[in-house]
Amino acid sequence: MGQHARRRRHIGGLFAPLFGLTAQHHGPEGVFVLLCLTPIPAFLLGLMLTVPRVIPDRESPDFAEA
């Protein structure tokens, strides 16, 4: 088994165990419903992201004004 094939087994992230439990209890249909609902909390969490604050560089001519 090559390195690429070994790495592919670990794709899944944090939701893989949740999908597995759902498949055991509700079958593939339950997993597809869960996959359809997953973007909703992702979108809501994305709304909470803020714009990163820019820290002026000391070498910048605008540093004295900040």
Protein backbone atom coordinates (compact mmCIF):
# COMPACT_ATOMS: atom_id res chain seq x y z
CA MET A 1 0.00 0.00 0.00
CA GLY A 2 1.53 3.32 -1.09
CA GLN A 3 1.78 6.45 1.00
CA HIS A 4 -1.07 8.10 -0.90
CA ALA A 5 -3.40 5.15 -0.29
CA ARG A 6 -2.50 5.14 3.41
CA ARG A 7 -3.27 8.82 3.72
CA ARG A 8 -6.67 8.45 2.05
CA ARG A 9 -7.91 6.20 4.87
CA HIS A 10 -7.65 9.08 7.35
CA ILE A 11 -9.81 11.51 5.40
CA GLY A 12 -13.05 12.19 7.24
CA GLY A 13 -12.29 14.63 10.00
CA LEU A 14 -14.32 15.05 13.12
CA PHE A 15 -17.64 14.04 11.61
CA ALA A 16 -16.60 10.55 10.44
CA PRO A 17 -17.52 8.84 13.75
CA LEU A 18 -20.86 10.66 13.75
CA PHE A 19 -21.57 9.48 10.21
CA GLY A 20 -20.64 5.93 11.23
CA LEU A 21 -22.99 5.93 14.21
CA THR A 22 -25.76 7.39 12.09
CA ALA A 23 -25.23 4.69 9.44
CA GLN A 24 -25.41 1.95 12.07
CA HIS A 25 -28.67 3.22 13.55
CA HIS A 26 -30.45 4.75 10.55
CA GLY A 27 -28.72 3.32 7.48
CA PRO A 28 -27.36 5.19 4.49
CA GLU A 29 -30.47 7.37 4.29
CA GLY A 30 -29.69 8.82 7.70
CA VAL A 31 -26.15 9.63 6.64
CA PHE A 32 -27.39 11.43 3.54
CA VAL A 33 -29.81 13.48 5.66
CA LEU A 34 -26.95 14.35 8.00
CA LEU A 35 -24.75 15.31 5.05
CA CYS A 36 -27.50 17.60 3.79
CA LEU A 37 -27.84 19.27 7.19
CA THR A 38 -24.10 19.70 7.87
CA PRO A 39 -23.74 22.96 5.88
CA ILE A 40 -26.26 24.73 8.13
CA PRO A 41 -24.11 24.79 11.30
CA ALA A 42 -21.03 25.41 9.14
CA PHE A 43 -22.69 28.51 7.68
CA LEU A 44 -23.81 29.74 11.11
CA LEU A 45 -20.33 29.23 12.55
CA GLY A 46 -18.90 31.06 9.54
CA LEU A 47 -21.05 34.08 10.36
CA MET A 48 -19.25 34.35 13.70
CA LEU A 49 -15.85 34.77 12.03
CA THR A 50 -14.34 38.21 12.28
CA VAL A 51 -12.05 40.09 9.93
CA PRO A 52 -8.46 39.75 11.12
CA ARG A 53 -6.97 42.88 12.63
CA VAL A 54 -4.07 44.26 10.63
CA ILE A 55 -1.03 45.03 12.76
CA PRO A 56 1.07 47.75 11.13
CA ASP A 57 4.65 46.88 10.28
CA ARG A 58 7.29 48.95 12.10
CA GLU A 59 9.07 49.56 8.78
CA SER A 60 5.90 50.94 7.20
CA PRO A 61 5.59 54.75 6.82
CA ASP A 62 2.05 54.45 8.25
CA PHE A 63 3.36 53.04 11.56
CA ALA A 64 3.78 56.51 13.13
CA GLU A 65 0.15 57.35 12.34
CA ALA A 66 -1.29 54.19 13.93
